[in-house]
N, C-alpha and C. Protein backbone atom coordinates (compact mmCIF):
# COMPACT_ATOMS: atom_id res chain seq x y z
N MET A 1 12.53 -1.59 27.59
CA MET A 1 12.07 -2.72 26.82
C MET A 1 12.81 -3.98 27.25
N THR A 2 12.05 -5.02 27.50
CA THR A 2 12.60 -6.31 27.90
C THR A 2 12.26 -7.33 26.82
N ILE A 3 13.18 -8.26 26.57
CA ILE A 3 12.90 -9.37 25.66
C ILE A 3 12.52 -10.57 26.52
N ILE A 4 11.33 -11.10 26.27
CA ILE A 4 10.81 -12.22 27.04
C ILE A 4 10.74 -13.43 26.12
N LYS A 5 11.47 -14.49 26.46
CA LYS A 5 11.53 -15.69 25.64
C LYS A 5 10.58 -16.74 26.20
N LYS A 6 9.74 -17.30 25.32
CA LYS A 6 8.79 -18.34 25.72
C LYS A 6 8.72 -19.42 24.66
N LYS A 7 8.49 -20.65 25.10
CA LYS A 7 8.24 -21.78 24.19
C LYS A 7 6.85 -21.63 23.59
N ILE A 8 6.68 -22.18 22.37
CA ILE A 8 5.35 -22.23 21.77
C ILE A 8 5.26 -23.49 20.91
N LEU A 9 4.13 -24.17 20.98
CA LEU A 9 3.92 -25.38 20.20
C LEU A 9 3.75 -25.04 18.72
N PRO A 10 4.13 -25.96 17.83
CA PRO A 10 4.09 -25.69 16.39
C PRO A 10 2.73 -25.21 15.86
N ARG A 11 1.63 -25.79 16.33
CA ARG A 11 0.32 -25.37 15.78
C ARG A 11 0.01 -23.92 16.11
N TYR A 12 0.39 -23.46 17.30
CA TYR A 12 0.16 -22.06 17.67
C TYR A 12 1.16 -21.14 16.98
N PHE A 13 2.40 -21.62 16.81
CA PHE A 13 3.42 -20.87 16.08
C PHE A 13 2.89 -20.53 14.69
N GLU A 14 2.36 -21.53 14.00
CA GLU A 14 1.86 -21.34 12.63
C GLU A 14 0.69 -20.36 12.58
N LEU A 15 -0.22 -20.45 13.56
CA LEU A 15 -1.36 -19.54 13.59
C LEU A 15 -0.93 -18.09 13.78
N ILE A 16 0.05 -17.87 14.62
CA ILE A 16 0.56 -16.51 14.84
C ILE A 16 1.32 -16.05 13.61
N LYS A 17 2.15 -16.92 13.06
CA LYS A 17 2.94 -16.57 11.87
C LYS A 17 2.03 -16.17 10.71
N SER A 18 0.90 -16.86 10.55
CA SER A 18 -0.03 -16.58 9.45
C SER A 18 -0.83 -15.30 9.68
N GLY A 19 -0.86 -14.81 10.92
CA GLY A 19 -1.62 -13.61 11.25
C GLY A 19 -3.02 -13.90 11.75
N LYS A 20 -3.42 -15.16 11.76
CA LYS A 20 -4.77 -15.52 12.22
C LYS A 20 -4.91 -15.36 13.73
N LYS A 21 -3.88 -15.74 14.48
CA LYS A 21 -3.90 -15.64 15.95
C LYS A 21 -3.14 -14.39 16.35
N THR A 22 -3.84 -13.44 16.97
CA THR A 22 -3.24 -12.15 17.31
C THR A 22 -3.24 -11.89 18.81
N PHE A 23 -3.19 -12.97 19.58
CA PHE A 23 -3.16 -12.86 21.03
C PHE A 23 -2.41 -14.06 21.58
N GLU A 24 -2.06 -14.00 22.83
CA GLU A 24 -1.40 -15.13 23.49
C GLU A 24 -1.94 -15.20 24.91
N ILE A 25 -2.16 -16.41 25.41
CA ILE A 25 -2.62 -16.62 26.78
C ILE A 25 -1.48 -17.32 27.52
N ARG A 26 -1.03 -16.74 28.59
CA ARG A 26 0.08 -17.30 29.38
C ARG A 26 -0.21 -17.17 30.86
N LEU A 27 0.33 -18.11 31.62
CA LEU A 27 0.30 -17.99 33.08
C LEU A 27 1.04 -16.72 33.47
N GLY A 28 0.47 -15.96 34.38
CA GLY A 28 1.06 -14.68 34.77
C GLY A 28 2.18 -14.81 35.78
N ASP A 29 3.13 -15.71 35.52
CA ASP A 29 4.23 -15.94 36.47
C ASP A 29 5.50 -15.19 36.08
N PHE A 30 5.36 -14.14 35.25
CA PHE A 30 6.50 -13.33 34.84
C PHE A 30 6.00 -11.91 34.59
N GLU A 31 6.91 -10.98 34.56
CA GLU A 31 6.56 -9.58 34.32
C GLU A 31 6.59 -9.31 32.82
N ILE A 32 5.61 -8.56 32.33
CA ILE A 32 5.53 -8.16 30.92
C ILE A 32 4.75 -6.86 30.85
N LYS A 33 5.13 -5.99 29.91
CA LYS A 33 4.43 -4.72 29.76
C LYS A 33 4.42 -4.31 28.30
N GLU A 34 3.56 -3.36 27.98
CA GLU A 34 3.51 -2.83 26.62
C GLU A 34 4.89 -2.31 26.22
N GLY A 35 5.29 -2.60 24.98
CA GLY A 35 6.59 -2.18 24.49
C GLY A 35 7.66 -3.26 24.61
N ASP A 36 7.43 -4.27 25.46
CA ASP A 36 8.37 -5.39 25.55
C ASP A 36 8.33 -6.19 24.26
N ILE A 37 9.33 -7.04 24.06
CA ILE A 37 9.39 -7.94 22.92
C ILE A 37 9.14 -9.36 23.42
N LEU A 38 8.16 -10.02 22.82
CA LEU A 38 7.86 -11.42 23.12
C LEU A 38 8.50 -12.26 22.04
N LEU A 39 9.51 -13.03 22.42
CA LEU A 39 10.22 -13.90 21.49
C LEU A 39 9.68 -15.31 21.68
N LEU A 40 8.84 -15.75 20.74
CA LEU A 40 8.24 -17.07 20.81
C LEU A 40 9.11 -18.05 20.04
N ARG A 41 9.61 -19.05 20.75
CA ARG A 41 10.52 -20.04 20.18
C ARG A 41 9.77 -21.36 20.01
N GLU A 42 9.66 -21.80 18.76
CA GLU A 42 8.90 -23.03 18.47
C GLU A 42 9.55 -24.23 19.15
N TRP A 43 8.72 -25.02 19.83
CA TRP A 43 9.17 -26.15 20.62
C TRP A 43 8.54 -27.43 20.09
N ASN A 44 9.36 -28.42 19.80
CA ASN A 44 8.87 -29.72 19.36
C ASN A 44 8.71 -30.60 20.60
N PRO A 45 7.46 -30.89 21.01
CA PRO A 45 7.26 -31.65 22.25
C PRO A 45 7.67 -33.12 22.14
N GLU A 46 7.64 -33.68 20.93
CA GLU A 46 8.04 -35.09 20.79
C GLU A 46 9.55 -35.26 20.93
N LYS A 47 10.29 -34.34 20.31
CA LYS A 47 11.76 -34.41 20.39
C LYS A 47 12.29 -33.69 21.63
N LYS A 48 11.41 -32.91 22.27
CA LYS A 48 11.79 -32.12 23.45
C LYS A 48 12.98 -31.20 23.14
N GLU A 49 12.81 -30.45 22.03
CA GLU A 49 13.85 -29.50 21.63
C GLU A 49 13.24 -28.38 20.79
N TYR A 50 13.97 -27.27 20.72
CA TYR A 50 13.55 -26.15 19.89
C TYR A 50 13.80 -26.49 18.42
N THR A 51 12.92 -25.97 17.55
CA THR A 51 13.06 -26.23 16.11
C THR A 51 14.01 -25.25 15.45
N GLY A 52 14.28 -24.13 16.10
CA GLY A 52 15.12 -23.08 15.52
C GLY A 52 14.30 -21.93 14.95
N ARG A 53 12.98 -22.12 14.84
CA ARG A 53 12.14 -21.03 14.33
C ARG A 53 11.69 -20.15 15.50
N GLU A 54 11.63 -18.84 15.24
CA GLU A 54 11.25 -17.88 16.27
C GLU A 54 10.35 -16.80 15.67
N LEU A 55 9.52 -16.24 16.50
CA LEU A 55 8.71 -15.08 16.15
C LEU A 55 9.02 -13.97 17.14
N LYS A 56 9.39 -12.81 16.64
CA LYS A 56 9.69 -11.66 17.48
C LYS A 56 8.50 -10.70 17.39
N LEU A 57 7.80 -10.51 18.51
CA LEU A 57 6.55 -9.76 18.53
C LEU A 57 6.61 -8.61 19.53
N GLU A 58 6.15 -7.44 19.11
CA GLU A 58 6.06 -6.32 20.04
C GLU A 58 4.77 -6.43 20.83
N VAL A 59 4.86 -6.30 22.14
CA VAL A 59 3.69 -6.37 23.01
C VAL A 59 2.97 -5.02 22.94
N THR A 60 1.69 -5.05 22.50
CA THR A 60 0.93 -3.82 22.35
C THR A 60 -0.13 -3.64 23.44
N TYR A 61 -0.51 -4.73 24.11
CA TYR A 61 -1.52 -4.64 25.17
C TYR A 61 -1.36 -5.83 26.11
N VAL A 62 -1.50 -5.58 27.40
CA VAL A 62 -1.40 -6.64 28.41
C VAL A 62 -2.49 -6.41 29.45
N THR A 63 -3.15 -7.47 29.84
CA THR A 63 -4.05 -7.42 30.99
C THR A 63 -3.93 -8.75 31.72
N ASN A 64 -4.29 -8.76 32.96
CA ASN A 64 -4.23 -9.96 33.78
C ASN A 64 -5.62 -10.18 34.37
N THR A 65 -6.07 -11.41 34.43
CA THR A 65 -7.42 -11.66 34.94
C THR A 65 -7.60 -11.19 36.38
N LYS A 66 -6.52 -11.10 37.12
CA LYS A 66 -6.64 -10.59 38.49
C LYS A 66 -7.02 -9.11 38.49
N GLN A 67 -6.78 -8.43 37.36
CA GLN A 67 -7.14 -7.02 37.24
C GLN A 67 -8.61 -6.83 36.91
N GLN A 68 -9.29 -7.89 36.50
CA GLN A 68 -10.69 -7.82 36.09
C GLN A 68 -11.58 -7.83 37.33
N LYS A 69 -12.30 -6.77 37.54
CA LYS A 69 -13.16 -6.65 38.73
C LYS A 69 -14.65 -6.70 38.36
N HIS A 70 -14.95 -7.07 37.12
CA HIS A 70 -16.33 -7.03 36.65
C HIS A 70 -17.17 -8.22 37.11
N TRP A 71 -16.50 -9.33 37.42
CA TRP A 71 -17.23 -10.55 37.75
C TRP A 71 -16.72 -11.11 39.08
N SER A 72 -17.57 -11.84 39.75
CA SER A 72 -17.17 -12.47 41.01
C SER A 72 -16.33 -13.71 40.72
N LYS A 73 -15.59 -14.16 41.73
CA LYS A 73 -14.80 -15.38 41.61
C LYS A 73 -15.70 -16.56 41.27
N GLU A 74 -16.87 -16.59 41.86
CA GLU A 74 -17.81 -17.68 41.60
C GLU A 74 -18.24 -17.71 40.13
N GLU A 75 -18.52 -16.53 39.56
CA GLU A 75 -18.90 -16.48 38.14
C GLU A 75 -17.76 -16.95 37.24
N ILE A 76 -16.55 -16.52 37.56
CA ILE A 76 -15.39 -16.92 36.76
C ILE A 76 -15.15 -18.42 36.89
N ASP A 77 -15.25 -18.95 38.12
CA ASP A 77 -15.08 -20.40 38.32
C ASP A 77 -16.14 -21.19 37.54
N LYS A 78 -17.36 -20.66 37.49
CA LYS A 78 -18.45 -21.36 36.82
C LYS A 78 -18.34 -21.29 35.30
N TYR A 79 -18.05 -20.10 34.75
CA TYR A 79 -18.10 -19.90 33.30
C TYR A 79 -16.74 -19.78 32.63
N GLY A 80 -15.69 -19.45 33.40
CA GLY A 80 -14.40 -19.16 32.79
C GLY A 80 -14.43 -17.80 32.11
N LEU A 81 -13.36 -17.47 31.41
CA LEU A 81 -13.27 -16.21 30.69
C LEU A 81 -12.94 -16.50 29.23
N TRP A 82 -13.54 -15.79 28.32
CA TRP A 82 -13.17 -15.86 26.92
C TRP A 82 -11.99 -14.93 26.68
N VAL A 83 -11.12 -15.29 25.80
CA VAL A 83 -10.13 -14.38 25.25
C VAL A 83 -10.55 -14.19 23.81
N ILE A 84 -10.83 -12.96 23.41
CA ILE A 84 -11.41 -12.70 22.10
C ILE A 84 -10.45 -11.85 21.28
N GLY A 85 -10.05 -12.37 20.14
CA GLY A 85 -9.26 -11.60 19.20
C GLY A 85 -10.21 -10.98 18.19
N PHE A 86 -9.87 -9.81 17.68
CA PHE A 86 -10.75 -9.17 16.71
C PHE A 86 -9.98 -8.22 15.82
N ARG A 87 -10.65 -7.82 14.72
CA ARG A 87 -10.12 -6.78 13.84
C ARG A 87 -11.32 -5.97 13.36
N SER A 88 -11.09 -4.76 12.97
CA SER A 88 -12.15 -3.87 12.51
C SER A 88 -12.69 -4.34 11.17
N THR A 89 -14.00 -4.20 10.98
CA THR A 89 -14.61 -4.50 9.69
C THR A 89 -14.79 -3.22 8.88
N GLU A 90 -14.42 -2.08 9.46
CA GLU A 90 -14.53 -0.79 8.78
C GLU A 90 -13.18 -0.42 8.18
N ASN A 91 -13.23 0.29 7.07
CA ASN A 91 -11.98 0.72 6.41
C ASN A 91 -11.49 2.02 6.96
């Protein structure tokens, strides 16, 4: 298990804290795997400093768009990719 520290803007921090946002989109310039801990540190862009608030999250699933072989580069360039969060509607 690795602890990965990343900055996060206040509006996204609040969405994750509330439970509404259950995913994160990041540039794939670091290693991450299931079971790692993602430590999101709230960043104030106006003051250019951390606020002191943090969210400690267990990584349960990771994929990288380079792993997606379903669409051509041209299709992705034209349409982009959606990132879709969801929860079950069944009990």
